[in-house]
Amino acid sequence: MKIAFFSAKPYDKTFFNRYNEAYGFELEFWETHLGPHIVNAITPGTEAVCVFVNDKLTGEVIDIMAAKGVKIIALRCAGFNNVDLERAKKQGIRICRVPAYSPEAVAEHAVAMLLTLNRKTHKAYNRVREQNFSLNGLLGFNLYGRTTGVIGTGKIGKAFIKIMLGFGCKVLACDLYEDETLKAEGVQYLSFDEVLNQSDILSLHCPLNAENHYLINESSIVKTKKGVTIINTSRGGLLNTHDVIQALKSGHIAYLGIDVYEQEEQLFFKDLSGSIIANDEIQRLMSFPNVLVTGHQAFFTEEALSQIATITLNSIDHLIKGSAPADPSVLLV
């Protein structure tokens, strides 16, 4: 059986080749993202296509894949907002994903961004390397006793909450489904507006869909405390970048940490160090001294990549044999 991988990086090849030894699939890796520009290059005999967050599986792309005999779309990520699920269902293509891969990896990265922004360790590192040991401009605040608001208390949100509770934070949460184990640990579930109003720190851990696109925008930002810290390791489309920039300029948002960006498909996972970046909004964000941007690396740990490879290959193996994976949450169609 042949699997075509798109948006494939060297680490994808390393981990999928390692764990494919148990299956013996034929793996083909494409560095480009999947979209109308490349879908016709899928070769005959390809039964599965494996994609990542910035691949574009539109109805047009899915129709072409179906005509070529593709039977499975495997998302090596949790989110699926980039896939036309209805068209895949109509074409009889099965879709699987990785609903949870080391949630601790993403949660720990969110905390790392928070600590870096607060204690300014990135600036201190550069200063000391230049023999500058001044503390001016490096003032931070204690996390202990601060109120942290968490939007989305799935596996990643839950892992983040446990860390923040360890710091001695008061944790407020907003989710359609309340977690009783978190409530037993002192987490208080409130409405979205109440969480915004009371939180010193706001961390986003929810999937992107039509209902929460631009969840953080001008109208929601004004409901937050002046001086709020916002961390987003979920999906870039949760933030209205223009509105966030205005709030940074006014000082309403004191710190912003993002590992995702709403137009990241043109930027992230690429070396653009020798290029002129034409995207004005990302350039404006990176010009702020109180903004930290990382390039969608929150998932990037040994444990997470191992889980992504093993879960993806196992799901494909089950589907091609006509059986269901043990975890039903991996299936979308």
C-alpha atoms as a PDB file:
ATOM      1  CA  MET A   1       0.000   0.000   0.000  1.00  0.00           C
ATOM      2  CA  LYS A   2       1.262   3.474  -0.884  1.00  0.00           C
ATOM      3  CA  ILE A   3       0.887   6.595   1.290  1.00  0.00           C
ATOM      4  CA  ALA A   4       1.695  10.086  -0.039  1.00  0.00           C
ATOM      5  CA  PHE A   5       2.789  12.609   2.608  1.00  0.00           C
ATOM      6  CA  PHE A   6       2.438  16.334   2.012  1.00  0.00           C
ATOM      7  CA  SER A   7       4.074  19.225   3.924  1.00  0.00           C
ATOM      8  CA  ALA A   8       6.685  16.617   4.838  1.00  0.00           C
ATOM      9  CA  LYS A   9       9.748  17.743   6.745  1.00  0.00           C
ATOM     10  CA  PRO A  10      12.914  15.774   7.579  1.00  0.00           C
ATOM     11  CA  TYR A  11      11.556  14.881  11.010  1.00  0.00           C
ATOM     12  CA  ASP A  12       8.360  13.481   9.439  1.00  0.00           C
ATOM     13  CA  LYS A  13      10.470  11.166   7.289  1.00  0.00           C
ATOM     14  CA  THR A  14      12.543  10.095  10.278  1.00  0.00           C
ATOM     15  CA  PHE A  15       9.640   9.179  12.542  1.00  0.00           C
ATOM     16  CA  PHE A  16       7.302   7.680   9.929  1.00  0.00           C
ATOM     17  CA  ASN A  17      10.082   5.578   8.399  1.00  0.00           C
ATOM     18  CA  ARG A  18      11.013   4.376  11.888  1.00  0.00           C
ATOM     19  CA  TYR A  19       7.528   3.240  12.848  1.00  0.00           C
ATOM     20  CA  ASN A  20       6.601   2.026   9.358  1.00  0.00           C
ATOM     21  CA  GLU A  21       8.918  -0.937   9.866  1.00  0.00           C
ATOM     22  CA  ALA A  22       5.991  -2.648  11.599  1.00  0.00           C
ATOM     23  CA  TYR A  23       3.675  -2.108   8.597  1.00  0.00           C
ATOM     24  CA  GLY A  24       5.771  -2.113   5.459  1.00  0.00           C
ATOM     25  CA  PHE A  25       3.806   0.593   3.627  1.00  0.00           C
ATOM     26  CA  GLU A  26       5.356   2.381   0.665  1.00  0.00           C
ATOM     27  CA  LEU A  27       5.896   5.977   1.782  1.00  0.00           C
ATOM     28  CA  GLU A  28       6.257   8.904  -0.608  1.00  0.00           C
ATOM     29  CA  PHE A  29       7.164  12.328   0.815  1.00  0.00           C
ATOM     30  CA  TRP A  30       6.373  15.712  -0.723  1.00  0.00           C
ATOM     31  CA  GLU A  31       7.742  18.875   0.868  1.00  0.00           C
ATOM     32  CA  THR A  32       5.064  21.088  -0.703  1.00  0.00           C
ATOM     33  CA  HIS A  33       1.671  21.547   0.889  1.00  0.00           C
ATOM     34  CA  LEU A  34      -1.295  19.788  -0.703  1.00  0.00           C
ATOM     35  CA  GLY A  35      -3.603  21.953  -2.772  1.00  0.00           C
ATOM     36  CA  PRO A  36      -4.960  22.366  -6.303  1.00  0.00           C
ATOM     37  CA  HIS A  37      -1.449  23.162  -7.563  1.00  0.00           C
ATOM     38  CA  ILE A  38      -0.021  19.705  -6.787  1.00  0.00           C
ATOM     39  CA  VAL A  39      -2.899  17.251  -6.345  1.00  0.00           C
ATOM     40  CA  ASN A  40      -2.571  15.936  -9.908  1.00  0.00           C
ATOM     41  CA  ALA A  41       0.952  14.783  -9.093  1.00  0.00           C
ATOM     42  CA  ILE A  42      -0.433  12.036  -6.849  1.00  0.00           C
ATOM     43  CA  THR A  43       0.617   8.848  -8.589  1.00  0.00           C
ATOM     44  CA  PRO A  44      -1.569   5.846  -9.446  1.00  0.00           C
ATOM     45  CA  GLY A  45      -1.746   3.256  -6.691  1.00  0.00           C
ATOM     46  CA  THR A  46      -1.735   5.835  -3.891  1.00  0.00           C
ATOM     47  CA  GLU A  47      -4.441   4.658  -1.513  1.00  0.00           C
ATOM     48  CA  ALA A  48      -3.817   7.089   1.357  1.00  0.00           C
ATOM     49  CA  VAL A  49      -2.751  10.724   1.631  1.00  0.00           C
ATOM     50  CA  CYS A  50      -1.267  12.048   4.875  1.00  0.00           C
ATOM     51  CA  VAL A  51      -1.542  15.795   5.494  1.00  0.00           C
ATOM     52  CA  PHE A  52      -0.815  18.454   8.101  1.00  0.00           C
ATOM     53  CA  VAL A  53      -2.344  21.704   9.349  1.00  0.00           C
ATOM     54  CA  ASN A  54      -1.658  23.929   6.325  1.00  0.00           C
ATOM     55  CA  ASP A  55      -2.667  21.527   3.569  1.00  0.00           C
ATOM     56  CA  LYS A  56      -5.822  22.603   1.710  1.00  0.00           C
ATOM     57  CA  LEU A  57      -8.238  19.733   1.135  1.00  0.00           C
ATOM     58  CA  THR A  58     -10.969  21.594  -0.704  1.00  0.00           C
ATOM     59  CA  GLY A  59     -13.831  19.915  -2.516  1.00  0.00           C
ATOM     60  CA  GLU A  60     -11.895  20.250  -5.783  1.00  0.00           C
ATOM     61  CA  VAL A  61      -8.815  18.570  -4.324  1.00  0.00           C
ATOM     62  CA  ILE A  62     -10.860  15.755  -2.787  1.00  0.00           C
ATOM     63  CA  ASP A  63     -12.681  15.101  -6.077  1.00  0.00           C
ATOM     64  CA  ILE A  64      -9.364  14.717  -7.903  1.00  0.00           C
ATOM     65  CA  MET A  65      -7.972  12.418  -5.219  1.00  0.00           C
ATOM     66  CA  ALA A  66     -11.089  10.259  -5.352  1.00  0.00           C
ATOM     67  CA  ALA A  67     -10.757   9.957  -9.125  1.00  0.00           C
ATOM     68  CA  LYS A  68      -7.178   8.798  -8.634  1.00  0.00           C
ATOM     69  CA  GLY A  69      -8.264   6.051  -6.237  1.00  0.00           C
ATOM     70  CA  VAL A  70      -7.349   7.629  -2.901  1.00  0.00           C
ATOM     71  CA  LYS A  71      -9.385   5.921  -0.178  1.00  0.00           C
ATOM     72  CA  ILE A  72      -8.018   7.476   3.018  1.00  0.00           C
ATOM     73  CA  ILE A  73      -7.060  10.964   4.179  1.00  0.00           C
ATOM     74  CA  ALA A  74      -4.930  10.820   7.305  1.00  0.00           C
ATOM     75  CA  LEU A  75      -4.476  14.049   9.255  1.00  0.00           C
ATOM     76  CA  ARG A  76      -1.325  13.904  11.365  1.00  0.00           C
ATOM     77  CA  CYS A  77      -2.814  16.581  13.621  1.00  0.00           C
ATOM     78  CA  ALA A  78      -5.943  17.090  15.719  1.00  0.00           C
ATOM     79  CA  GLY A  79      -7.607  19.969  13.858  1.00  0.00           C
ATOM     80  CA  PHE A  80      -9.556  19.442  10.643  1.00  0.00           C
ATOM     81  CA  ASN A  81     -10.808  22.912   9.690  1.00  0.00           C
ATOM     82  CA  ASN A  82      -8.778  22.649   6.460  1.00  0.00           C
ATOM     83  CA  VAL A  83     -10.760  19.659   5.134  1.00  0.00           C
ATOM     84  CA  ASP A  84     -14.100  19.569   3.290  1.00  0.00           C
ATOM     85  CA  LEU A  85     -15.589  16.720   5.318  1.00  0.00           C
ATOM     86  CA  GLU A  86     -18.871  16.629   3.432  1.00  0.00           C
ATOM     87  CA  ARG A  87     -17.174  16.245   0.063  1.00  0.00           C
ATOM     88  CA  ALA A  88     -14.965  13.457   1.434  1.00  0.00           C
ATOM     89  CA  LYS A  89     -18.029  11.662   2.770  1.00  0.00           C
ATOM     90  CA  LYS A  90     -19.771  12.052  -0.579  1.00  0.00           C
ATOM     91  CA  GLN A  91     -16.745  10.571  -2.346  1.00  0.00           C
ATOM     92  CA  GLY A  92     -16.510   7.670   0.101  1.00  0.00           C
ATOM     93  CA  ILE A  93     -13.087   8.700   1.413  1.00  0.00           C
ATOM     94  CA  ARG A  94     -12.384   7.809   5.021  1.00  0.00           C
ATOM     95  CA  ILE A  95     -10.699  10.439   7.202  1.00  0.00           C
ATOM     96  CA  CYS A  96      -8.695   9.831  10.351  1.00  0.00           C
ATOM     97  CA  ARG A  97      -6.734  12.172  12.577  1.00  0.00           C
ATOM     98  CA  VAL A  98      -4.577  12.230  15.701  1.00  0.00           C
ATOM     99  CA  PRO A  99      -6.968  13.675  18.304  1.00  0.00           C
ATOM    100  CA  ALA A 100      -4.348  13.805  21.062  1.00  0.00           C
ATOM    101  CA  TYR A 101      -0.596  13.553  20.748  1.00  0.00           C
ATOM    102  CA  SER A 102       1.293  14.293  23.928  1.00  0.00           C
ATOM    103  CA  PRO A 103      -1.010  17.082  25.119  1.00  0.00           C
ATOM    104  CA  GLU A 104       1.686  17.866  27.666  1.00  0.00           C
ATOM    105  CA  ALA A 105       3.982  18.963  24.817  1.00  0.00           C
ATOM    106  CA  VAL A 106       1.650  21.772  23.739  1.00  0.00           C
ATOM    107  CA  ALA A 107       0.715  22.687  27.303  1.00  0.00           C
ATOM    108  CA  GLU A 108       4.354  22.934  28.371  1.00  0.00           C
ATOM    109  CA  HIS A 109       5.166  25.127  25.373  1.00  0.00           C
ATOM    110  CA  ALA A 110       2.313  27.471  26.303  1.00  0.00           C
ATOM    111  CA  VAL A 111       3.777  27.758  29.807  1.00  0.00           C
ATOM    112  CA  ALA A 112       7.260  28.280  28.365  1.00  0.00           C
ATOM    113  CA  MET A 113       5.964  31.189  26.286  1.00  0.00           C
ATOM    114  CA  LEU A 114       4.216  32.651  29.324  1.00  0.00           C
ATOM    115  CA  LEU A 115       7.351  32.445  31.468  1.00  0.00           C
ATOM    116  CA  THR A 116       9.558  33.834  28.709  1.00  0.00           C
ATOM    117  CA  LEU A 117       7.321  36.851  28.200  1.00  0.00           C
ATOM    118  CA  ASN A 118       6.895  37.466  31.901  1.00  0.00           C
ATOM    119  CA  ARG A 119      10.474  36.983  33.123  1.00  0.00           C
ATOM    120  CA  LYS A 120      12.029  38.109  29.815  1.00  0.00           C
ATOM    121  CA  THR A 121      14.568  35.287  29.793  1.00  0.00           C
ATOM    122  CA  HIS A 122      15.114  35.681  26.035  1.00  0.00           C
ATOM    123  CA  LYS A 123      16.209  39.279  26.559  1.00  0.00           C
ATOM    124  CA  ALA A 124      18.330  38.408  29.587  1.00  0.00           C
ATOM    125  CA  TYR A 125      20.100  35.685  27.587  1.00  0.00           C
ATOM    126  CA  ASN A 126      21.085  38.144  24.850  1.00  0.00           C
ATOM    127  CA  ARG A 127      22.176  40.786  27.372  1.00  0.00           C
ATOM    128  CA  VAL A 128      24.448  38.499  29.340  1.00  0.00           C
ATOM    129  CA  ARG A 129      26.113  37.215  26.170  1.00  0.00           C
ATOM    130  CA  GLU A 130      27.091  40.855  25.564  1.00  0.00           C
ATOM    131  CA  GLN A 131      28.366  41.188  29.165  1.00  0.00           C
ATOM    132  CA  ASN A 132      25.401  43.350  30.105  1.00  0.00           C
ATOM    133  CA  PHE A 133      24.176  42.270  33.549  1.00  0.00           C
ATOM    134  CA  SER A 134      21.761  45.140  34.112  1.00  0.00           C
ATOM    135  CA  LEU A 135      18.290  44.225  35.344  1.00  0.00           C
ATOM    136  CA  ASN A 136      16.626  47.355  33.969  1.00  0.00           C
ATOM    137  CA  GLY A 137      13.636  46.454  31.816  1.00  0.00           C
ATOM    138  CA  LEU A 138      13.488  42.828  32.980  1.00  0.00           C
ATOM    139  CA  LEU A 139      10.872  43.237  35.695  1.00  0.00           C
ATOM    140  CA  GLY A 140       8.271  40.461  35.749  1.00  0.00           C
ATOM    141  CA  PHE A 141       5.455  39.319  38.035  1.00  0.00           C
ATOM    142  CA  ASN A 142       4.727  36.261  40.166  1.00  0.00           C
ATOM    143  CA  LEU A 143       2.449  33.668  38.629  1.00  0.00           C
ATOM    144  CA  TYR A 144       1.515  32.585  42.148  1.00  0.00           C
ATOM    145  CA  GLY A 145      -1.880  33.992  43.053  1.00  0.00           C
ATOM    146  CA  ARG A 146      -2.666  35.208  39.531  1.00  0.00           C
ATOM    147  CA  THR A 147      -5.946  34.334  37.836  1.00  0.00           C
ATOM    148  CA  THR A 148      -5.518  32.252  34.696  1.00  0.00           C
ATOM    149  CA  GLY A 149      -8.392  31.823  32.255  1.00  0.00           C
ATOM    150  CA  VAL A 150      -8.390  28.756  30.028  1.00  0.00           C
ATOM    151  CA  ILE A 151     -10.618  28.561  26.960  1.00  0.00           C
ATOM    152  CA  GLY A 152     -11.068  24.888  26.133  1.00  0.00           C
ATOM    153  CA  THR A 153     -10.459  22.157  28.698  1.00  0.00           C
ATOM    154  CA  GLY A 154      -9.819  19.175  26.466  1.00  0.00           C
ATOM    155  CA  LYS A 155      -6.647  17.148  26.901  1.00  0.00           C
ATOM    156  CA  ILE A 156      -4.265  20.023  26.157  1.00  0.00           C
ATOM    157  CA  GLY A 157      -6.231  22.565  28.181  1.00  0.00           C
ATOM    158  CA  LYS A 158      -6.396  20.130  31.069  1.00  0.00           C
ATOM    159  CA  ALA A 159      -2.626  19.555  30.965  1.00  0.00           C
ATOM    160  CA  PHE A 160      -2.070  23.330  30.941  1.00  0.00           C
ATOM    161  CA  ILE A 161      -4.431  23.800  33.898  1.00  0.00           C
ATOM    162  CA  LYS A 162      -2.600  21.227  35.993  1.00  0.00           C
ATOM    163  CA  ILE A 163       0.663  23.102  35.450  1.00  0.00           C
ATOM    164  CA  MET A 164      -0.896  26.438  36.369  1.00  0.00           C
ATOM    165  CA  LEU A 165      -2.441  24.964  39.495  1.00  0.00           C
ATOM    166  CA  GLY A 166       1.058  23.843  40.414  1.00  0.00           C
ATOM    167  CA  PHE A 167       2.208  27.460  40.199  1.00  0.00           C
ATOM    168  CA  GLY A 168      -0.500  28.395  42.685  1.00  0.00           C
ATOM    169  CA  CYS A 169      -2.753  30.161  40.193  1.00  0.00           C
ATOM    170  CA  LYS A 170      -6.483  30.546  40.500  1.00  0.00           C
ATOM    171  CA  VAL A 171      -7.858  28.898  37.366  1.00  0.00           C
ATOM    172  CA  LEU A 172     -11.079  29.823  35.582  1.00  0.00           C
ATOM    173  CA  ALA A 173     -12.295  27.817  32.604  1.00  0.00           C
ATOM    174  CA  CYS A 174     -14.769  28.014  29.754  1.00  0.00           C
ATOM    175  CA  ASP A 175     -15.893  24.963  27.798  1.00  0.00           C
ATOM    176  CA  LEU A 176     -19.133  23.496  26.492  1.00  0.00           C
ATOM    177  CA  TYR A 177     -18.406  20.403  28.573  1.00  0.00           C
ATOM    178  CA  GLU A 178     -17.259  20.817  32.165  1.00  0.00           C
ATOM    179  CA  ASP A 179     -14.622  18.449  33.496  1.00  0.00           C
ATOM    180  CA  GLU A 180     -15.638  17.197  36.923  1.00  0.00           C
ATOM    181  CA  THR A 181     -12.095  16.158  37.861  1.00  0.00           C
ATOM    182  CA  LEU A 182     -10.881  19.719  37.231  1.00  0.00           C
ATOM    183  CA  LYS A 183     -13.748  21.156  39.261  1.00  0.00           C
ATOM    184  CA  ALA A 184     -12.744  18.859  42.113  1.00  0.00           C
ATOM    185  CA  GLU A 185      -9.270  20.425  41.975  1.00  0.00           C
ATOM    186  CA  GLY A 186     -10.695  23.914  42.365  1.00  0.00           C
ATOM    187  CA  VAL A 187     -11.140  24.991  38.744  1.00  0.00           C
ATOM    188  CA  GLN A 188     -14.181  27.229  38.344  1.00  0.00           C
ATOM    189  CA  TYR A 189     -16.198  27.099  35.117  1.00  0.00           C
ATOM    190  CA  LEU A 190     -17.674  30.435  34.035  1.00  0.00           C
ATOM    191  CA  SER A 191     -19.097  32.006  30.906  1.00  0.00           C
ATOM    192  CA  PHE A 192     -16.684  33.232  28.243  1.00  0.00           C
ATOM    193  CA  ASP A 193     -17.272  36.883  29.145  1.00  0.00           C
ATOM    194  CA  GLU A 194     -16.747  36.207  32.868  1.00  0.00           C
ATOM    195  CA  VAL A 195     -13.457  34.444  32.169  1.00  0.00           C
ATOM    196  CA  LEU A 196     -12.321  37.371  30.028  1.00  0.00           C
ATOM    197  CA  ASN A 197     -13.309  39.883  32.683  1.00  0.00           C
ATOM    198  CA  GLN A 198     -11.515  38.212  35.589  1.00  0.00           C
ATOM    199  CA  SER A 199      -8.338  36.732  34.080  1.00  0.00           C
ATOM    200  CA  ASP A 200      -4.827  38.155  34.326  1.00  0.00           C
ATOM    201  CA  ILE A 201      -3.626  35.465  31.905  1.00  0.00           C
ATOM    202  CA  LEU A 202      -5.703  34.010  29.080  1.00  0.00           C
ATOM    203  CA  SER A 203      -4.667  30.813  27.289  1.00  0.00           C
ATOM    204  CA  LEU A 204      -6.511  29.372  24.287  1.00  0.00           C
ATOM    205  CA  HIS A 205      -6.823  25.599  23.913  1.00  0.00           C
ATOM    206  CA  CYS A 206      -9.798  25.071  21.610  1.00  0.00           C
ATOM    207  CA  PRO A 207     -10.175  23.901  18.010  1.00  0.00           C
ATOM    208  CA  LEU A 208     -11.017  26.375  15.268  1.00  0.00           C
ATOM    209  CA  ASN A 209     -14.492  26.283  13.748  1.00  0.00           C
ATOM    210  CA  ALA A 210     -16.999  28.648  12.176  1.00  0.00           C
ATOM    211  CA  GLU A 211     -18.472  29.573  15.567  1.00  0.00           C
ATOM    212  CA  ASN A 212     -15.226  30.667  17.247  1.00  0.00           C
ATOM    213  CA  HIS A 213     -13.363  32.196  14.305  1.00  0.00           C
ATOM    214  CA  TYR A 214     -11.855  35.468  15.615  1.00  0.00           C
ATOM    215  CA  LEU A 215     -12.881  34.556  19.147  1.00  0.00           C
ATOM    216  CA  ILE A 216     -10.446  37.221  20.313  1.00  0.00           C
ATOM    217  CA  ASN A 217     -11.430  40.424  18.549  1.00  0.00           C
ATOM    218  CA  GLU A 218     -12.095  44.065  19.355  1.00  0.00           C
ATOM    219  CA  SER A 219     -15.353  43.359  21.181  1.00  0.00           C
ATOM    220  CA  SER A 220     -13.957  40.530  23.300  1.00  0.00           C
ATOM    221  CA  ILE A 221     -10.656  42.277  24.028  1.00  0.00           C
ATOM    222  CA  VAL A 222     -12.433  45.222  25.679  1.00  0.00           C
ATOM    223  CA  LYS A 223     -13.959  42.750  28.126  1.00  0.00           C
ATOM    224  CA  THR A 224     -10.527  41.636  29.346  1.00  0.00           C
ATOM    225  CA  LYS A 225      -8.504  43.280  32.092  1.00  0.00           C
ATOM    226  CA  LYS A 226      -6.180  46.057  31.001  1.00  0.00           C
ATOM    227  CA  GLY A 227      -2.719  44.500  31.053  1.00  0.00           C
ATOM    228  CA  VAL A 228      -3.888  40.974  30.178  1.00  0.00           C
ATOM    229  CA  THR A 229      -1.460  38.348  28.895  1.00  0.00           C
ATOM    230  CA  ILE A 230      -2.753  36.220  26.000  1.00  0.00           C
ATOM    231  CA  ILE A 231      -1.227  32.916  24.883  1.00  0.00           C
ATOM    232  CA  ASN A 232      -2.407  31.058  21.780  1.00  0.00           C
ATOM    233  CA  THR A 233      -1.043  27.616  20.901  1.00  0.00           C
ATOM    234  CA  SER A 234      -4.244  26.373  19.217  1.00  0.00           C
ATOM    235  CA  ARG A 235      -5.113  27.883  15.816  1.00  0.00           C
ATOM    236  CA  GLY A 236      -4.229  31.267  14.381  1.00  0.00           C
ATOM    237  CA  GLY A 237      -7.784  32.010  13.284  1.00  0.00           C
ATOM    238  CA  LEU A 238      -8.883  32.321  16.902  1.00  0.00           C
ATOM    239  CA  LEU A 239      -7.244  35.768  16.978  1.00  0.00           C
ATOM    240  CA  ASN A 240      -8.145  38.754  14.846  1.00  0.00           C
ATOM    241  CA  THR A 241      -4.595  39.946  14.240  1.00  0.00           C
ATOM    242  CA  HIS A 242      -5.550  43.505  13.339  1.00  0.00           C
ATOM    243  CA  ASP A 243      -7.577  43.943  16.529  1.00  0.00           C
ATOM    244  CA  VAL A 244      -4.847  42.385  18.654  1.00  0.00           C
ATOM    245  CA  ILE A 245      -2.271  44.782  17.197  1.00  0.00           C
ATOM    246  CA  GLN A 246      -4.475  47.755  18.096  1.00  0.00           C
ATOM    247  CA  ALA A 247      -4.814  46.434  21.665  1.00  0.00           C
ATOM    248  CA  LEU A 248      -1.036  46.007  21.910  1.00  0.00           C
ATOM    249  CA  LYS A 249      -0.522  49.568  20.686  1.00  0.00           C
ATOM    250  CA  SER A 250      -2.935  50.939  23.281  1.00  0.00           C
ATOM    251  CA  GLY A 251      -1.364  48.865  26.058  1.00  0.00           C
ATOM    252  CA  HIS A 252      -4.569  46.960  26.791  1.00  0.00           C
ATOM    253  CA  ILE A 253      -2.770  43.685  26.023  1.00  0.00           C
ATOM    254  CA  ALA A 254       0.436  43.663  28.020  1.00  0.00           C
ATOM    255  CA  TYR A 255       1.950  40.474  26.590  1.00  0.00           C
ATOM    256  CA  LEU A 256       1.131  38.226  23.645  1.00  0.00           C
ATOM    257  CA  GLY A 257       2.556  34.796  22.917  1.00  0.00           C
ATOM    258  CA  ILE A 258       1.527  32.986  19.733  1.00  0.00           C
ATOM    259  CA  ASP A 259       2.714  29.698  18.294  1.00  0.00           C
ATOM    260  CA  VAL A 260       0.107  29.934  15.517  1.00  0.00           C
ATOM    261  CA  TYR A 261      -0.871  32.658  13.073  1.00  0.00           C
ATOM    262  CA  GLU A 262      -3.921  33.039  10.858  1.00  0.00           C
ATOM    263  CA  GLN A 263      -1.791  33.337   7.689  1.00  0.00           C
ATOM    264  CA  GLU A 264       0.940  30.970   8.772  1.00  0.00           C
ATOM    265  CA  GLU A 265       0.763  28.693   5.710  1.00  0.00           C
ATOM    266  CA  GLN A 266       2.915  31.211   3.805  1.00  0.00           C
ATOM    267  CA  LEU A 267       5.467  31.474   6.600  1.00  0.00           C
ATOM    268  CA  PHE A 268       5.773  28.669   9.102  1.00  0.00           C
ATOM    269  CA  PHE A 269       7.866  25.523   8.582  1.00  0.00           C
ATOM    270  CA  LYS A 270      10.061  27.434   6.101  1.00  0.00           C
ATOM    271  CA  ASP A 271      13.472  29.106   6.309  1.00  0.00           C
ATOM    272  CA  LEU A 272      12.771  32.663   5.199  1.00  0.00           C
ATOM    273  CA  SER A 273      15.909  34.188   6.723  1.00  0.00           C
ATOM    274  CA  GLY A 274      17.094  35.348   3.312  1.00  0.00           C
ATOM    275  CA  SER A 275      13.713  36.583   2.124  1.00  0.00           C
ATOM    276  CA  ILE A 276      11.648  39.740   2.423  1.00  0.00           C
ATOM    277  CA  ILE A 277       8.449  38.871   4.260  1.00  0.00           C
ATOM    278  CA  ALA A 278       5.581  40.740   2.654  1.00  0.00           C
ATOM    279  CA  ASN A 279       3.077  39.962   5.388  1.00  0.00           C
ATOM    280  CA  ASP A 280       2.793  43.308   7.197  1.00  0.00           C
ATOM    281  CA  GLU A 281       0.831  42.029  10.188  1.00  0.00           C
ATOM    282  CA  ILE A 282       3.349  39.382  11.251  1.00  0.00           C
ATOM    283  CA  GLN A 283       6.122  41.950  10.813  1.00  0.00           C
ATOM    284  CA  ARG A 284       4.195  44.403  12.986  1.00  0.00           C
ATOM    285  CA  LEU A 285       3.624  41.749  15.657  1.00  0.00           C
ATOM    286  CA  MET A 286       7.304  40.838  15.772  1.00  0.00           C
ATOM    287  CA  SER A 287       8.243  44.498  16.164  1.00  0.00           C
ATOM    288  CA  PHE A 288       6.631  44.654  19.624  1.00  0.00           C
ATOM    289  CA  PRO A 289       9.025  43.970  22.506  1.00  0.00           C
ATOM    290  CA  ASN A 290       6.190  42.342  24.479  1.00  0.00           C
ATOM    291  CA  VAL A 291       5.243  39.823  21.785  1.00  0.00           C
ATOM    292  CA  LEU A 292       6.737  36.354  21.407  1.00  0.00           C
ATOM    293  CA  VAL A 293       6.177  34.399  18.184  1.00  0.00           C
ATOM    294  CA  THR A 294       7.210  30.782  17.621  1.00  0.00           C
ATOM    295  CA  GLY A 295       6.623  28.884  14.387  1.00  0.00           C
ATOM    296  CA  HIS A 296       4.047  26.228  15.306  1.00  0.00           C
ATOM    297  CA  GLN A 297       6.533  24.245  17.350  1.00  0.00           C
ATOM    298  CA  ALA A 298       4.440  23.520  20.453  1.00  0.00           C
ATOM    299  CA  PHE A 299       3.879  19.923  19.323  1.00  0.00           C
ATOM    300  CA  PHE A 300       7.546  19.382  18.485  1.00  0.00           C
ATOM    301  CA  THR A 301       8.809  16.826  20.994  1.00  0.00           C
ATOM    302  CA  GLU A 302      10.154  13.294  20.643  1.00  0.00           C
ATOM    303  CA  GLU A 303       7.109  11.908  22.423  1.00  0.00           C
ATOM    304  CA  ALA A 304       4.580  13.800  20.306  1.00  0.00           C
ATOM    305  CA  LEU A 305       6.174  12.894  16.969  1.00  0.00           C
ATOM    306  CA  SER A 306       6.319   9.233  18.017  1.00  0.00           C
ATOM    307  CA  GLN A 307       2.628   9.259  18.908  1.00  0.00           C
ATOM    308  CA  ILE A 308       1.670  11.047  15.685  1.00  0.00           C
ATOM    309  CA  ALA A 309       3.453   8.438  13.582  1.00  0.00           C
ATOM    310  CA  THR A 310       2.198   5.393  15.471  1.00  0.00           C
ATOM    311  CA  ILE A 311      -1.434   6.537  15.708  1.00  0.00           C
ATOM    312  CA  THR A 312      -1.548   7.617  12.046  1.00  0.00           C
ATOM    313  CA  LEU A 313      -0.056   4.397  10.683  1.00  0.00           C
ATOM    314  CA  ASN A 314      -2.224   2.251  12.948  1.00  0.00           C
ATOM    315  CA  SER A 315      -5.381   4.067  11.835  1.00  0.00           C
ATOM    316  CA  ILE A 316      -4.488   3.679   8.160  1.00  0.00           C
ATOM    317  CA  ASP A 317      -3.751  -0.001   8.680  1.00  0.00           C
ATOM    318  CA  HIS A 318      -7.164  -0.567  10.287  1.00  0.00           C
ATOM    319  CA  LEU A 319      -9.064   1.379   7.640  1.00  0.00           C
ATOM    320  CA  ILE A 320      -7.378  -0.284   4.676  1.00  0.00           C
ATOM    321  CA  LYS A 321      -8.250  -3.660   6.204  1.00  0.00           C
ATOM    322  CA  GLY A 322     -11.859  -2.588   6.678  1.00  0.00           C
ATOM    323  CA  SER A 323     -11.758  -2.526  10.483  1.00  0.00           C
ATOM    324  CA  ALA A 324     -12.223   0.316  12.940  1.00  0.00           C
ATOM    325  CA  PRO A 325      -9.377   1.718  15.049  1.00  0.00           C
ATOM    326  CA  ALA A 326      -9.656   1.012  18.776  1.00  0.00           C
ATOM    327  CA  ASP A 327     -10.129   4.729  19.530  1.00  0.00           C
ATOM    328  CA  PRO A 328     -13.269   5.964  17.714  1.00  0.00           C
ATOM    329  CA  SER A 329     -12.239   9.602  18.168  1.00  0.00           C
ATOM    330  CA  VAL A 330      -9.586   9.206  15.465  1.00  0.00           C
ATOM    331  CA  LEU A 331     -12.281   8.889  12.789  1.00  0.00           C
ATOM    332  CA  LEU A 332     -13.959  11.906  11.205  1.00  0.00           C
ATOM    333  CA  VAL A 333     -15.562  10.264   8.159  1.00  0.00           C
END
